[in-house]
Amino acid sequence: AIKLWKSCHTSDWEEVLNSYDDCCDFVQTNFKNSQLKLSKNLFVDEDKWKEESLPKFIKTKKVITLPQLERLMIWKLRRGQFRPTLMGLIRKNLPKNVEEVTNKAISLVVESPKNIGEAFKILEGLHGVGPATASLVLSVILPDKVPFMSDEAMDASIGLPRSYTASRYELFRKALSAKAKELGNDWNVGLVEKALFTAAVLRRQELS
């Protein structure tokens, strides 16, 4: 992923991004038992739900429900590192509170992407939601403005340490924004994150 990050050639990035579906299949076949038990659904189906069905719901309702937040967390724990306490924390939230908080945060970023920082603070009022999960929630509604704070993309773009703070996220977001601008009009922060994640997973596949 670091090699890809250093490239300014759109063709390199497109080649990697075109392998995203293969990457999802590899993720599925390498689940730990704990990740398998999270859901009976295939990861590729969960990814499609996040990319297609959920954004449509949010655009209409301007809200995320508790079951949807739980499903997003499952996606996150399967796509990246499994953290056993997070699902329990998410389930401590009251359904009404999740809808009120997410509605407020989503409305802010839809009004203006400049409100990302404020929306993060609002979402972090929920149990189990830190900057990484907040970025995931907002990336669903504004994928071209709010990149998901994945370990793979962070490692490649801004390097270590892996620090999940608002200031670290802003550094990450600005780095991906600059790279998207460098790559041209067809690119945005969401696609840059996805390509970096894919590059990291493909590298793991080569080494396995």
N, C-alpha and C. Protein backbone atom coordinates (compact mmCIF):
# COMPACT_ATOMS: atom_id res chain seq x y z
N ALA A 1 0.83 -1.21 0.00
CA ALA A 1 0.00 0.00 0.00
C ALA A 1 0.86 1.26 0.00
N ILE A 2 2.00 1.19 0.68
CA ILE A 2 2.91 2.34 0.69
C ILE A 2 3.45 2.60 -0.71
N LYS A 3 3.75 1.54 -1.44
CA LYS A 3 4.22 1.67 -2.82
C LYS A 3 3.17 2.36 -3.68
N LEU A 4 1.91 1.96 -3.50
CA LEU A 4 0.82 2.58 -4.26
C LEU A 4 0.69 4.05 -3.86
N TRP A 5 0.78 4.34 -2.58
CA TRP A 5 0.64 5.70 -2.09
C TRP A 5 1.66 6.63 -2.75
N LYS A 6 2.84 6.13 -3.00
CA LYS A 6 3.90 6.95 -3.59
C LYS A 6 3.70 7.16 -5.09
N SER A 7 2.81 6.39 -5.69
CA SER A 7 2.58 6.50 -7.13
C SER A 7 1.62 7.65 -7.45
N CYS A 8 1.94 8.38 -8.50
CA CYS A 8 1.05 9.45 -8.97
C CYS A 8 0.39 9.06 -10.29
N HIS A 9 0.57 7.79 -10.68
CA HIS A 9 0.01 7.31 -11.95
C HIS A 9 -1.40 6.73 -11.73
N THR A 10 -2.36 7.34 -12.36
CA THR A 10 -3.75 6.90 -12.21
C THR A 10 -3.92 5.43 -12.58
N SER A 11 -3.18 4.97 -13.58
CA SER A 11 -3.30 3.58 -14.03
C SER A 11 -2.94 2.60 -12.91
N ASP A 12 -1.95 2.94 -12.08
CA ASP A 12 -1.58 2.08 -10.96
C ASP A 12 -2.73 1.96 -9.97
N TRP A 13 -3.35 3.08 -9.69
CA TRP A 13 -4.45 3.11 -8.73
C TRP A 13 -5.70 2.39 -9.25
N GLU A 14 -5.96 2.58 -10.55
CA GLU A 14 -7.12 1.92 -11.16
C GLU A 14 -6.95 0.41 -11.17
N GLU A 15 -5.74 -0.03 -11.46
CA GLU A 15 -5.47 -1.47 -11.50
C GLU A 15 -5.74 -2.12 -10.14
N VAL A 16 -5.31 -1.46 -9.07
CA VAL A 16 -5.53 -1.98 -7.73
C VAL A 16 -7.02 -1.93 -7.37
N LEU A 17 -7.65 -0.80 -7.63
CA LEU A 17 -9.06 -0.64 -7.28
C LEU A 17 -9.94 -1.66 -7.99
N ASN A 18 -9.57 -2.03 -9.20
CA ASN A 18 -10.34 -3.02 -9.96
C ASN A 18 -10.29 -4.41 -9.31
N SER A 19 -9.37 -4.59 -8.37
CA SER A 19 -9.25 -5.88 -7.67
C SER A 19 -10.00 -5.89 -6.34
N TYR A 20 -10.82 -4.86 -6.09
CA TYR A 20 -11.49 -4.76 -4.79
C TYR A 20 -12.40 -5.95 -4.51
N ASP A 21 -13.13 -6.42 -5.52
CA ASP A 21 -14.03 -7.56 -5.31
C ASP A 21 -13.24 -8.82 -4.94
N ASP A 22 -12.12 -9.03 -5.60
CA ASP A 22 -11.25 -10.16 -5.26
C ASP A 22 -10.73 -10.01 -3.83
N CYS A 23 -10.45 -8.79 -3.47
CA CYS A 23 -9.98 -8.48 -2.12
C CYS A 23 -11.04 -8.86 -1.09
N CYS A 24 -12.31 -8.55 -1.36
CA CYS A 24 -13.40 -8.89 -0.46
C CYS A 24 -13.52 -10.42 -0.29
N ASP A 25 -13.34 -11.13 -1.38
CA ASP A 25 -13.38 -12.60 -1.32
C ASP A 25 -12.26 -13.13 -0.43
N PHE A 26 -11.07 -12.53 -0.55
CA PHE A 26 -9.94 -12.94 0.27
C PHE A 26 -10.20 -12.65 1.75
N VAL A 27 -10.79 -11.49 2.02
CA VAL A 27 -11.14 -11.14 3.40
C VAL A 27 -12.07 -12.20 3.99
N GLN A 28 -13.08 -12.60 3.21
CA GLN A 28 -14.05 -13.59 3.66
C GLN A 28 -13.39 -14.93 3.98
N THR A 29 -12.49 -15.36 3.12
CA THR A 29 -11.87 -16.68 3.30
C THR A 29 -10.84 -16.70 4.43
N ASN A 30 -10.49 -15.53 4.93
CA ASN A 30 -9.50 -15.46 5.99
C ASN A 30 -10.07 -14.95 7.32
N PHE A 31 -11.39 -15.04 7.46
CA PHE A 31 -12.00 -14.67 8.73
C PHE A 31 -11.51 -15.57 9.85
N LYS A 32 -11.33 -14.97 11.03
CA LYS A 32 -11.15 -15.76 12.24
C LYS A 32 -12.53 -16.25 12.68
N ASN A 33 -12.58 -17.24 13.56
CA ASN A 33 -13.86 -17.76 14.02
C ASN A 33 -14.72 -16.67 14.63
N SER A 34 -14.09 -15.76 15.36
CA SER A 34 -14.83 -14.67 16.00
C SER A 34 -15.49 -13.76 14.96
N GLN A 35 -14.83 -13.58 13.82
CA GLN A 35 -15.41 -12.76 12.76
C GLN A 35 -16.51 -13.49 12.02
N LEU A 36 -16.35 -14.79 11.85
CA LEU A 36 -17.39 -15.59 11.20
C LEU A 36 -18.68 -15.58 11.99
N LYS A 37 -18.56 -15.64 13.31
CA LYS A 37 -19.73 -15.72 14.18
C LYS A 37 -20.54 -14.43 14.24
N LEU A 38 -19.96 -13.34 13.77
CA LEU A 38 -20.66 -12.06 13.85
C LEU A 38 -21.92 -12.02 12.98
N SER A 39 -21.89 -12.74 11.85
CA SER A 39 -23.02 -12.71 10.93
C SER A 39 -22.99 -13.92 10.01
N LYS A 40 -24.18 -14.34 9.58
CA LYS A 40 -24.27 -15.44 8.62
C LYS A 40 -24.07 -14.93 7.18
N ASN A 41 -24.10 -13.62 7.01
CA ASN A 41 -23.97 -13.05 5.68
C ASN A 41 -22.51 -13.08 5.20
N LEU A 42 -22.33 -13.18 3.90
CA LEU A 42 -21.01 -13.07 3.31
C LEU A 42 -20.53 -11.63 3.41
N PHE A 43 -19.23 -11.44 3.52
CA PHE A 43 -18.70 -10.09 3.62
C PHE A 43 -19.04 -9.27 2.38
N VAL A 44 -18.99 -9.89 1.21
CA VAL A 44 -19.28 -9.16 -0.03
C VAL A 44 -20.71 -8.64 -0.02
N ASP A 45 -21.63 -9.39 0.61
CA ASP A 45 -23.02 -8.94 0.71
C ASP A 45 -23.16 -7.79 1.70
N GLU A 46 -22.41 -7.87 2.80
CA GLU A 46 -22.42 -6.78 3.79
C GLU A 46 -21.83 -5.51 3.16
N ASP A 47 -20.80 -5.68 2.36
CA ASP A 47 -20.16 -4.55 1.70
C ASP A 47 -21.12 -3.90 0.70
N LYS A 48 -21.84 -4.71 -0.03
CA LYS A 48 -22.81 -4.19 -1.00
C LYS A 48 -23.92 -3.43 -0.29
N TRP A 49 -24.38 -3.96 0.84
CA TRP A 49 -25.40 -3.28 1.65
C TRP A 49 -24.91 -1.90 2.08
N LYS A 50 -23.67 -1.86 2.56
CA LYS A 50 -23.09 -0.59 3.02
C LYS A 50 -22.93 0.40 1.87
N GLU A 51 -22.57 -0.09 0.69
CA GLU A 51 -22.29 0.78 -0.44
C GLU A 51 -23.56 1.23 -1.18
N GLU A 52 -24.61 0.39 -1.15
CA GLU A 52 -25.78 0.68 -1.98
C GLU A 52 -27.07 0.92 -1.19
N SER A 53 -27.47 -0.06 -0.39
CA SER A 53 -28.77 0.04 0.30
C SER A 53 -28.78 1.06 1.43
N LEU A 54 -27.76 1.02 2.28
CA LEU A 54 -27.74 1.91 3.43
C LEU A 54 -27.68 3.40 3.04
N PRO A 55 -26.85 3.80 2.08
CA PRO A 55 -26.85 5.21 1.69
C PRO A 55 -28.21 5.71 1.22
N LYS A 56 -28.94 4.87 0.50
CA LYS A 56 -30.28 5.25 0.03
C LYS A 56 -31.21 5.49 1.21
N PHE A 57 -31.14 4.61 2.22
CA PHE A 57 -31.97 4.75 3.42
C PHE A 57 -31.64 6.06 4.14
N ILE A 58 -30.34 6.33 4.30
CA ILE A 58 -29.91 7.52 5.04
C ILE A 58 -30.32 8.79 4.31
N LYS A 59 -30.19 8.81 3.00
CA LYS A 59 -30.56 9.99 2.24
C LYS A 59 -32.04 10.31 2.38
N THR A 60 -32.84 9.27 2.55
CA THR A 60 -34.29 9.46 2.71
C THR A 60 -34.65 9.82 4.14
N LYS A 61 -34.09 9.10 5.11
CA LYS A 61 -34.49 9.24 6.52
C LYS A 61 -33.60 10.17 7.34
N LYS A 62 -32.37 10.43 6.85
CA LYS A 62 -31.38 11.24 7.59
C LYS A 62 -31.09 10.68 8.98
N VAL A 63 -31.05 9.35 9.07
CA VAL A 63 -30.87 8.70 10.36
C VAL A 63 -30.28 7.31 10.16
N ILE A 64 -29.62 6.79 11.19
CA ILE A 64 -29.19 5.40 11.22
C ILE A 64 -29.81 4.76 12.45
N THR A 65 -30.38 3.58 12.29
CA THR A 65 -31.02 2.89 13.40
C THR A 65 -29.98 2.06 14.16
N LEU A 66 -30.35 1.61 15.35
CA LEU A 66 -29.43 0.77 16.12
C LEU A 66 -29.07 -0.52 15.38
N PRO A 67 -30.03 -1.25 14.80
CA PRO A 67 -29.65 -2.45 14.03
C PRO A 67 -28.69 -2.14 12.88
N GLN A 68 -28.87 -0.99 12.24
CA GLN A 68 -27.96 -0.61 11.15
C GLN A 68 -26.57 -0.26 11.69
N LEU A 69 -26.53 0.39 12.85
CA LEU A 69 -25.24 0.71 13.46
C LEU A 69 -24.52 -0.58 13.85
N GLU A 70 -25.26 -1.56 14.36
CA GLU A 70 -24.68 -2.86 14.70
C GLU A 70 -24.13 -3.53 13.44
N ARG A 71 -24.87 -3.44 12.35
CA ARG A 71 -24.45 -4.08 11.10
C ARG A 71 -23.21 -3.39 10.54
N LEU A 72 -23.14 -2.06 10.67
CA LEU A 72 -21.94 -1.33 10.26
C LEU A 72 -20.73 -1.77 11.08
N MET A 73 -20.95 -1.98 12.37
CA MET A 73 -19.85 -2.41 13.23
C MET A 73 -19.37 -3.80 12.83
N ILE A 74 -20.30 -4.67 12.46
CA ILE A 74 -19.92 -6.00 11.98
C ILE A 74 -19.05 -5.88 10.74
N TRP A 75 -19.46 -5.00 9.81
CA TRP A 75 -18.67 -4.76 8.60
C TRP A 75 -17.27 -4.31 8.98
N LYS A 76 -17.18 -3.38 9.93
CA LYS A 76 -15.89 -2.83 10.35
C LYS A 76 -15.01 -3.90 11.00
N LEU A 77 -15.59 -4.72 11.86
CA LEU A 77 -14.83 -5.75 12.57
C LEU A 77 -14.41 -6.90 11.66
N ARG A 78 -15.11 -7.06 10.56
CA ARG A 78 -14.74 -8.10 9.60
C ARG A 78 -13.74 -7.58 8.57
N ARG A 79 -13.87 -6.34 8.20
CA ARG A 79 -12.95 -5.77 7.19
C ARG A 79 -11.58 -5.52 7.78
N GLY A 80 -11.53 -5.18 9.06
CA GLY A 80 -10.26 -4.86 9.70
C GLY A 80 -9.99 -5.73 10.91
N GLN A 81 -9.41 -5.13 11.92
CA GLN A 81 -9.03 -5.87 13.12
C GLN A 81 -10.24 -6.12 14.01
N PHE A 82 -10.35 -7.34 14.50
CA PHE A 82 -11.46 -7.69 15.38
C PHE A 82 -11.17 -7.22 16.80
N ARG A 83 -12.07 -6.39 17.32
CA ARG A 83 -11.96 -5.91 18.70
C ARG A 83 -13.20 -6.37 19.45
N PRO A 84 -13.05 -7.36 20.32
CA PRO A 84 -14.19 -8.07 20.91
C PRO A 84 -15.14 -7.23 21.75
N THR A 85 -14.69 -6.12 22.30
CA THR A 85 -15.57 -5.35 23.19
C THR A 85 -16.52 -4.41 22.45
N LEU A 86 -16.22 -4.12 21.19
CA LEU A 86 -16.96 -3.06 20.50
C LEU A 86 -18.44 -3.39 20.26
N MET A 87 -18.75 -4.63 19.90
CA MET A 87 -20.15 -4.97 19.65
C MET A 87 -20.98 -4.84 20.92
N GLY A 88 -20.41 -5.24 22.04
CA GLY A 88 -21.12 -5.12 23.30
C GLY A 88 -21.40 -3.67 23.65
N LEU A 89 -20.44 -2.81 23.39
CA LEU A 89 -20.63 -1.38 23.66
C LEU A 89 -21.70 -0.79 22.76
N ILE A 90 -21.66 -1.14 21.48
CA ILE A 90 -22.67 -0.63 20.54
C ILE A 90 -24.07 -1.02 20.99
N ARG A 91 -24.22 -2.24 21.48
CA ARG A 91 -25.55 -2.74 21.88
C ARG A 91 -26.06 -2.12 23.18
N LYS A 92 -25.21 -1.37 23.86
CA LYS A 92 -25.64 -0.67 25.07
C LYS A 92 -26.43 0.60 24.74
N ASN A 93 -26.35 1.03 23.49
CA ASN A 93 -27.06 2.24 23.09
C ASN A 93 -28.57 2.01 23.01
N LEU A 94 -29.32 3.01 23.38
CA LEU A 94 -30.78 2.95 23.24
C LEU A 94 -31.16 3.30 21.80
N PRO A 95 -32.10 2.56 21.21
CA PRO A 95 -32.48 2.81 19.82
C PRO A 95 -32.85 4.27 19.53
N LYS A 96 -33.64 4.87 20.42
CA LYS A 96 -34.07 6.25 20.21
C LYS A 96 -32.87 7.20 20.23
N ASN A 97 -31.93 6.94 21.11
CA ASN A 97 -30.75 7.80 21.22
C ASN A 97 -29.88 7.71 19.98
N VAL A 98 -29.72 6.49 19.45
CA VAL A 98 -28.94 6.30 18.22
C VAL A 98 -29.54 7.11 17.08
N GLU A 99 -30.84 7.07 16.96
CA GLU A 99 -31.50 7.79 15.87
C GLU A 99 -31.40 9.30 16.04
N GLU A 100 -31.53 9.77 17.27
CA GLU A 100 -31.42 11.22 17.52
C GLU A 100 -30.00 11.72 17.24
N VAL A 101 -29.01 10.98 17.73
CA VAL A 101 -27.62 11.40 17.58
C VAL A 101 -27.19 11.33 16.11
N THR A 102 -27.51 10.24 15.44
CA THR A 102 -27.09 10.11 14.03
C THR A 102 -27.81 11.12 13.14
N ASN A 103 -29.06 11.41 13.45
CA ASN A 103 -29.79 12.42 12.67
C ASN A 103 -29.12 13.79 12.79
N LYS A 104 -28.71 14.13 13.99
CA LYS A 104 -28.05 15.43 14.22
C LYS A 104 -26.71 15.50 13.48
N ALA A 105 -25.92 14.43 13.57
CA ALA A 105 -24.60 14.40 12.92
C ALA A 105 -24.73 14.40 11.40
N ILE A 106 -25.62 13.57 10.88
CA ILE A 106 -25.80 13.47 9.43
C ILE A 106 -26.30 14.80 8.86
N SER A 107 -27.24 15.43 9.55
CA SER A 107 -27.77 16.71 9.09
C SER A 107 -26.68 17.77 9.01
N LEU A 108 -25.75 17.73 9.95
CA LEU A 108 -24.65 18.70 9.97
C LEU A 108 -23.74 18.55 8.76
N VAL A 109 -23.33 17.31 8.45
CA VAL A 109 -22.39 17.13 7.34
C VAL A 109 -23.06 17.28 5.99
N VAL A 110 -24.35 16.99 5.92
CA VAL A 110 -25.08 17.21 4.66
C VAL A 110 -25.19 18.71 4.40
N GLU A 111 -25.36 19.47 5.47
CA GLU A 111 -25.42 20.94 5.36
C GLU A 111 -24.09 21.48 4.85
N SER A 112 -22.98 20.96 5.41
CA SER A 112 -21.66 21.38 4.97
C SER A 112 -20.60 20.39 5.45
N PRO A 113 -19.73 19.92 4.54
CA PRO A 113 -18.64 19.02 4.95
C PRO A 113 -17.69 19.66 5.97
N LYS A 114 -17.73 20.98 6.07
CA LYS A 114 -16.90 21.68 7.06
C LYS A 114 -17.30 21.32 8.49
N ASN A 115 -18.47 20.72 8.63
CA ASN A 115 -18.97 20.36 9.96
C ASN A 115 -18.55 18.97 10.41
N ILE A 116 -17.60 18.36 9.70
CA ILE A 116 -17.18 16.99 10.02
C ILE A 116 -16.71 16.87 11.46
N GLY A 117 -15.89 17.79 11.91
CA GLY A 117 -15.36 17.73 13.27
C GLY A 117 -16.46 17.77 14.31
N GLU A 118 -17.42 18.65 14.11
CA GLU A 118 -18.54 18.76 15.04
C GLU A 118 -19.39 17.49 15.02
N ALA A 119 -19.60 16.94 13.82
CA ALA A 119 -20.39 15.71 13.69
C ALA A 119 -19.70 14.54 14.39
N PHE A 120 -18.37 14.51 14.31
CA PHE A 120 -17.60 13.46 15.01
C PHE A 120 -17.88 13.52 16.51
N LYS A 121 -17.81 14.72 17.07
CA LYS A 121 -18.02 14.88 18.51
C LYS A 121 -19.40 14.40 18.92
N ILE A 122 -20.38 14.68 18.09
CA ILE A 122 -21.76 14.26 18.38
C ILE A 122 -21.86 12.73 18.37
N LEU A 123 -21.31 12.10 17.33
CA LEU A 123 -21.38 10.64 17.21
C LEU A 123 -20.62 9.93 18.32
N GLU A 124 -19.55 10.55 18.79
CA GLU A 124 -18.74 9.94 19.85
C GLU A 124 -19.45 9.95 21.20
N GLY A 125 -20.63 10.56 21.23
CA GLY A 125 -21.46 10.49 22.42
C GLY A 125 -22.15 9.14 22.57
N LEU A 126 -22.12 8.33 21.52
CA LEU A 126 -22.70 6.99 21.57
C LEU A 126 -21.69 6.00 22.12
N HIS A 127 -22.17 4.97 22.82
CA HIS A 127 -21.29 3.91 23.32
C HIS A 127 -20.63 3.19 22.14
N GLY A 128 -19.33 2.96 22.23
CA GLY A 128 -18.63 2.18 21.22
C GLY A 128 -18.25 2.94 19.97
N VAL A 129 -18.51 4.24 19.95
CA VAL A 129 -18.21 5.04 18.76
C VAL A 129 -17.05 6.00 19.05
N GLY A 130 -15.91 5.75 18.40
CA GLY A 130 -14.76 6.65 18.45
C GLY A 130 -14.59 7.27 17.07
N PRO A 131 -13.47 7.94 16.83
CA PRO A 131 -13.25 8.57 15.52
C PRO A 131 -13.34 7.61 14.34
N ALA A 132 -12.82 6.39 14.48
CA ALA A 132 -12.85 5.44 13.36
C ALA A 132 -14.28 5.06 12.99
N THR A 133 -15.10 4.74 13.99
CA THR A 133 -16.49 4.37 13.71
C THR A 133 -17.29 5.58 13.26
N ALA A 134 -16.99 6.74 13.82
CA ALA A 134 -17.66 7.97 13.37
C ALA A 134 -17.36 8.22 11.90
N SER A 135 -16.12 8.00 11.50
CA SER A 135 -15.75 8.20 10.10
C SER A 135 -16.48 7.21 9.20
N LEU A 136 -16.68 6.00 9.70
CA LEU A 136 -17.42 4.99 8.93
C LEU A 136 -18.86 5.42 8.71
N VAL A 137 -19.50 5.87 9.77
CA VAL A 137 -20.89 6.32 9.67
C VAL A 137 -21.02 7.45 8.65
N LEU A 138 -20.17 8.45 8.74
CA LEU A 138 -20.26 9.60 7.85
C LEU A 138 -19.81 9.29 6.43
N SER A 139 -18.92 8.31 6.29
CA SER A 139 -18.45 7.92 4.95
C SER A 139 -19.56 7.28 4.12
N VAL A 140 -20.54 6.73 4.79
CA VAL A 140 -21.66 6.11 4.08
C VAL A 140 -22.48 7.17 3.35
N ILE A 141 -22.67 8.31 4.00
CA ILE A 141 -23.50 9.36 3.41
C ILE A 141 -22.69 10.31 2.52
N LEU A 142 -21.39 10.50 2.84
CA LEU A 142 -20.53 11.39 2.04
C LEU A 142 -19.21 10.69 1.70
N PRO A 143 -19.27 9.65 0.89
CA PRO A 143 -18.06 8.87 0.59
C PRO A 143 -16.98 9.66 -0.15
N ASP A 144 -17.39 10.73 -0.84
CA ASP A 144 -16.41 11.53 -1.59
C ASP A 144 -15.74 12.60 -0.73
N LYS A 145 -16.25 12.79 0.51
CA LYS A 145 -15.72 13.82 1.40
C LYS A 145 -15.14 13.27 2.69
N VAL A 146 -15.68 12.14 3.15
CA VAL A 146 -15.29 11.58 4.46
C VAL A 146 -14.74 10.16 4.27
N PRO A 147 -13.43 9.98 4.31
CA PRO A 147 -12.87 8.63 4.16
C PRO A 147 -12.99 7.83 5.45
N PHE A 148 -13.19 6.54 5.31
CA PHE A 148 -13.18 5.66 6.48
C PHE A 148 -11.76 5.55 7.01
N MET A 149 -11.63 5.64 8.32
CA MET A 149 -10.32 5.64 8.98
C MET A 149 -9.82 4.20 9.15
N SER A 150 -9.45 3.57 8.05
CA SER A 150 -8.96 2.19 8.11
C SER A 150 -7.49 2.16 8.46
N ASP A 151 -7.07 1.12 9.14
CA ASP A 151 -5.66 0.97 9.51
C ASP A 151 -4.77 0.95 8.27
N GLU A 152 -5.23 0.22 7.26
CA GLU A 152 -4.42 0.04 6.05
C GLU A 152 -4.16 1.36 5.34
N ALA A 153 -5.21 2.17 5.21
CA ALA A 153 -5.06 3.46 4.53
C ALA A 153 -4.26 4.45 5.37
N MET A 154 -4.45 4.40 6.68
CA MET A 154 -3.69 5.29 7.56
C MET A 154 -2.20 4.95 7.53
N ASP A 155 -1.90 3.66 7.62
CA ASP A 155 -0.49 3.23 7.62
C ASP A 155 0.23 3.71 6.36
N ALA A 156 -0.45 3.60 5.22
CA ALA A 156 0.18 3.95 3.95
C ALA A 156 0.30 5.46 3.76
N SER A 157 -0.70 6.20 4.21
CA SER A 157 -0.74 7.64 3.90
C SER A 157 -0.03 8.52 4.92
N ILE A 158 -0.22 8.23 6.22
CA ILE A 158 0.40 9.09 7.24
C ILE A 158 1.32 8.33 8.18
N GLY A 159 1.38 7.01 8.02
CA GLY A 159 2.32 6.21 8.81
C GLY A 159 1.93 6.04 10.26
N LEU A 160 2.82 5.42 11.00
CA LEU A 160 2.59 5.17 12.42
C LEU A 160 2.85 6.43 13.23
N PRO A 161 2.33 6.52 14.45
CA PRO A 161 1.58 5.49 15.17
C PRO A 161 0.11 5.44 14.76
N ARG A 162 -0.54 4.31 15.00
CA ARG A 162 -1.98 4.22 14.79
C ARG A 162 -2.68 4.86 15.99
N SER A 163 -3.02 6.09 15.82
CA SER A 163 -3.65 6.85 16.90
C SER A 163 -5.04 7.27 16.45
N TYR A 164 -6.06 6.80 17.15
CA TYR A 164 -7.44 7.05 16.73
C TYR A 164 -7.99 8.29 17.44
N THR A 165 -7.53 9.44 16.97
CA THR A 165 -7.96 10.72 17.53
C THR A 165 -8.51 11.60 16.42
N ALA A 166 -9.24 12.63 16.81
CA ALA A 166 -9.81 13.56 15.83
C ALA A 166 -8.72 14.29 15.05
N SER A 167 -7.64 14.67 15.74
CA SER A 167 -6.56 15.39 15.06
C SER A 167 -5.83 14.48 14.06
N ARG A 168 -5.68 13.22 14.43
CA ARG A 168 -5.03 12.26 13.54
C ARG A 168 -5.92 12.00 12.32
N TYR A 169 -7.22 11.95 12.56
CA TYR A 169 -8.15 11.73 11.45
C TYR A 169 -8.09 12.90 10.48
N GLU A 170 -8.01 14.12 10.99
CA GLU A 170 -7.97 15.28 10.12
C GLU A 170 -6.72 15.27 9.25
N LEU A 171 -5.61 14.86 9.82
CA LEU A 171 -4.36 14.71 9.06
C LEU A 171 -4.54 13.68 7.96
N PHE A 172 -5.18 12.57 8.30
CA PHE A 172 -5.46 11.48 7.36
C PHE A 172 -6.38 11.97 6.24
N ARG A 173 -7.44 12.65 6.60
CA ARG A 173 -8.41 13.14 5.61
C ARG A 173 -7.76 14.11 4.63
N LYS A 174 -6.93 15.00 5.15
CA LYS A 174 -6.26 15.97 4.29
C LYS A 174 -5.27 15.29 3.34
N ALA A 175 -4.59 14.26 3.84
CA ALA A 175 -3.64 13.52 3.00
C ALA A 175 -4.36 12.83 1.85
N LEU A 176 -5.50 12.20 2.15
CA LEU A 176 -6.26 11.51 1.10
C LEU A 176 -6.90 12.50 0.14
N SER A 177 -7.30 13.65 0.64
CA SER A 177 -7.86 14.69 -0.23
C SER A 177 -6.81 15.18 -1.24
N ALA A 178 -5.59 15.37 -0.74
CA ALA A 178 -4.51 15.82 -1.62
C ALA A 178 -4.18 14.77 -2.67
N LYS A 179 -4.19 13.49 -2.26
CA LYS A 179 -3.90 12.41 -3.21
C LYS A 179 -5.01 12.32 -4.26
N ALA A 180 -6.25 12.45 -3.85
CA ALA A 180 -7.37 12.39 -4.79
C ALA A 180 -7.27 13.52 -5.81
N LYS A 181 -6.89 14.71 -5.33
CA LYS A 181 -6.72 15.86 -6.23
C LYS A 181 -5.59 15.60 -7.22
N GLU A 182 -4.52 14.97 -6.73
CA GLU A 182 -3.38 14.64 -7.58
C GLU A 182 -3.76 13.64 -8.67
N LEU A 183 -4.64 12.70 -8.33
CA LEU A 183 -5.02 11.65 -9.28
C LEU A 183 -6.04 12.12 -10.32
N GLY A 184 -6.77 13.20 -10.01
CA GLY A 184 -7.69 13.74 -11.01
C GLY A 184 -9.15 13.68 -10.61
N ASN A 185 -9.99 14.19 -11.50
CA ASN A 185 -11.41 14.40 -11.19
C ASN A 185 -12.20 13.13 -10.89
N ASP A 186 -11.77 12.00 -11.41
CA ASP A 186 -12.51 10.76 -11.19
C ASP A 186 -12.26 10.16 -9.81
N TRP A 187 -11.35 10.78 -9.05
CA TRP A 187 -10.97 10.22 -7.75
C TRP A 187 -11.47 11.07 -6.60
N ASN A 188 -11.75 10.39 -5.48
CA ASN A 188 -12.13 11.09 -4.26
C ASN A 188 -11.54 10.33 -3.07
N VAL A 189 -11.73 10.86 -1.87
CA VAL A 189 -11.10 10.25 -0.69
C VAL A 189 -11.57 8.83 -0.44
N GLY A 190 -12.84 8.55 -0.76
CA GLY A 190 -13.37 7.20 -0.55
C GLY A 190 -12.70 6.18 -1.44
N LEU A 191 -12.48 6.54 -2.70
CA LEU A 191 -11.83 5.63 -3.64
C LEU A 191 -10.35 5.44 -3.29
N VAL A 192 -9.72 6.51 -2.82
CA VAL A 192 -8.32 6.41 -2.42
C VAL A 192 -8.18 5.45 -1.24
N GLU A 193 -9.07 5.57 -0.25
CA GLU A 193 -9.04 4.66 0.91
C GLU A 193 -9.25 3.22 0.47
N LYS A 194 -10.22 3.02 -0.41
CA LYS A 194 -10.55 1.67 -0.87
C LYS A 194 -9.38 1.04 -1.62
N ALA A 195 -8.70 1.84 -2.43
CA ALA A 195 -7.55 1.35 -3.18
C ALA A 195 -6.39 0.99 -2.25
N LEU A 196 -6.15 1.82 -1.25
CA LEU A 196 -5.07 1.53 -0.29
C LEU A 196 -5.37 0.28 0.52
N PHE A 197 -6.62 0.13 0.93
CA PHE A 197 -7.02 -1.08 1.64
C PHE A 197 -6.80 -2.31 0.76
N THR A 198 -7.24 -2.22 -0.49
CA THR A 198 -7.09 -3.33 -1.43
C THR A 198 -5.63 -3.70 -1.63
N ALA A 199 -4.77 -2.69 -1.78
CA ALA A 199 -3.34 -2.93 -1.98
C ALA A 199 -2.74 -3.66 -0.78
N ALA A 200 -3.15 -3.28 0.43
CA ALA A 200 -2.63 -3.92 1.64
C ALA A 200 -3.08 -5.37 1.73
N VAL A 201 -4.35 -5.62 1.40
CA VAL A 201 -4.89 -6.98 1.47
C VAL A 201 -4.25 -7.87 0.40
N LEU A 202 -4.07 -7.33 -0.80
CA LEU A 202 -3.43 -8.10 -1.87
C LEU A 202 -2.00 -8.47 -1.49
N ARG A 203 -1.34 -7.56 -0.79
CA ARG A 203 0.02 -7.85 -0.32
C ARG A 203 0.00 -8.98 0.70
N ARG A 204 -0.97 -8.96 1.61
CA ARG A 204 -1.10 -10.05 2.58
C ARG A 204 -1.37 -11.37 1.88
N GLN A 205 -2.16 -11.30 0.81
CA GLN A 205 -2.48 -12.51 0.05
C GLN A 205 -1.22 -13.08 -0.60
N GLU A 206 -0.37 -12.21 -1.10
CA GLU A 206 0.90 -12.65 -1.72
C GLU A 206 1.79 -13.36 -0.71
N LEU A 207 1.75 -12.88 0.53
CA LEU A 207 2.64 -13.41 1.57
C LEU A 207 2.08 -14.64 2.26
N SER A 208 0.79 -14.93 2.03
CA SER A 208 0.15 -16.04 2.74
C SER A 208 0.46 -17.39 2.07
